[in-house]
C-alpha cells in the first residue's frame, strides 16, 4: 500500500510512518517542520518538506496513493486561544486543501487525526461518539470544523473518511515547547530536572491518557474499516485519571522529590474527559494494552531528554 501522512514528522505521525514502513508499505511524509523533526523517521520513509496548504505539492505527492492520513495541525489548546486565526488556517484550511487535492487526483480514502477536545464538558463519562460536541477552545472548534468539511466534501467527491478522536496521547519524543507543553512531558521534564510541578485547579479534573503505541495501532486498524461513508471513532484508554494521580505516578516512576504547586485553572480546561471505546472495540478490534504507569516508564526509558 502507498500511504501519504501529512504532519508525518511529528510525534504521532512519525510513529505511524515508522510502523507502516516496518510492515513493508511505501510511506510518504509531508511536514512543514513547525513542530516535526525528520530525524524521527525511518530512512525508508520518503520525506518531503512543505505545507498542507500547498495544493501543487499535494497533487504531486498524491499520485498513486491508496490512503491518506491527515495529522498536519496545530495542536496546543492554550496556544489556540492566543492564535485562533492560525489554528483556523492550518487545521481547517489545510483539511479543505487536502480534500480538494484528493478530489483532483482521485484518491478516495482519508483518515483524520481528530480530538476528544471536541466534546468539551459532558455529563456522561466515558463519552460516546454520539454526544453533542461542546468545543471550548479554538483548537477544538477547528477540529470539529475539519470533521464537518471532511464529511461534506467526502460525500460530494466520493471520499470515504474515518475521524479518530484521540484523547490525551503521550509517549517518547512528544514535543516539549518552551510554553504550553502537554501535561505528561511537561511534568516529566520538571520532575527529572527537580523543578516544581504545576497543577491547574485542584487536580481533581480527570483525563484519558493513551500511550502512543496504542494510538498507532488504532490508526493502522482504521485503514481496514469498510471503505465507504464516514466514521467517527474515539481512541483513548477508557480510564479516567485525575491530574493529582498522574502527578503522583510521575513522582513515583522518576523517584523525584519535586514540589507540586497549584495554580488557577487555565481557560479552556475541562473538568472531566474520558473515551467510551465501545465503537473502537467493535470497528477496529481495538484494545489499549499499555497502562499509564508502564507508558510513563517506557517514555522515561526511550526518550533521551529524560535520562
Foldseek 3Di string as FASTA:
>chain_A
DEEEEEVLQADLNQVLQQVVVVVPYAYEYEYQPPQGDCVSHDPRYHYDYDALLPLVVLLVSCAPHAEYEYDWADAFQQVCQVPLVVRLCRLVVSLLSNLVSCLVNVHAEYEYAAALLQQFEDPDPQDEPPHDGDRFGSNSVSRVNSQVSCQVSCVVRVHEYEYEHEWAEDAAPHTDDPPRGRQLVVLLLCQLVQEEREDADPQQAWTFYAYSVLVSLLVVLVVVFPGGHYYYAYGTQSDIDTSVRSNVLSCVLNVGPHHYHYHHHDRRDGRYYGHDHPVSCVRRVGHGDADPSRRSNNNCVPHPSND
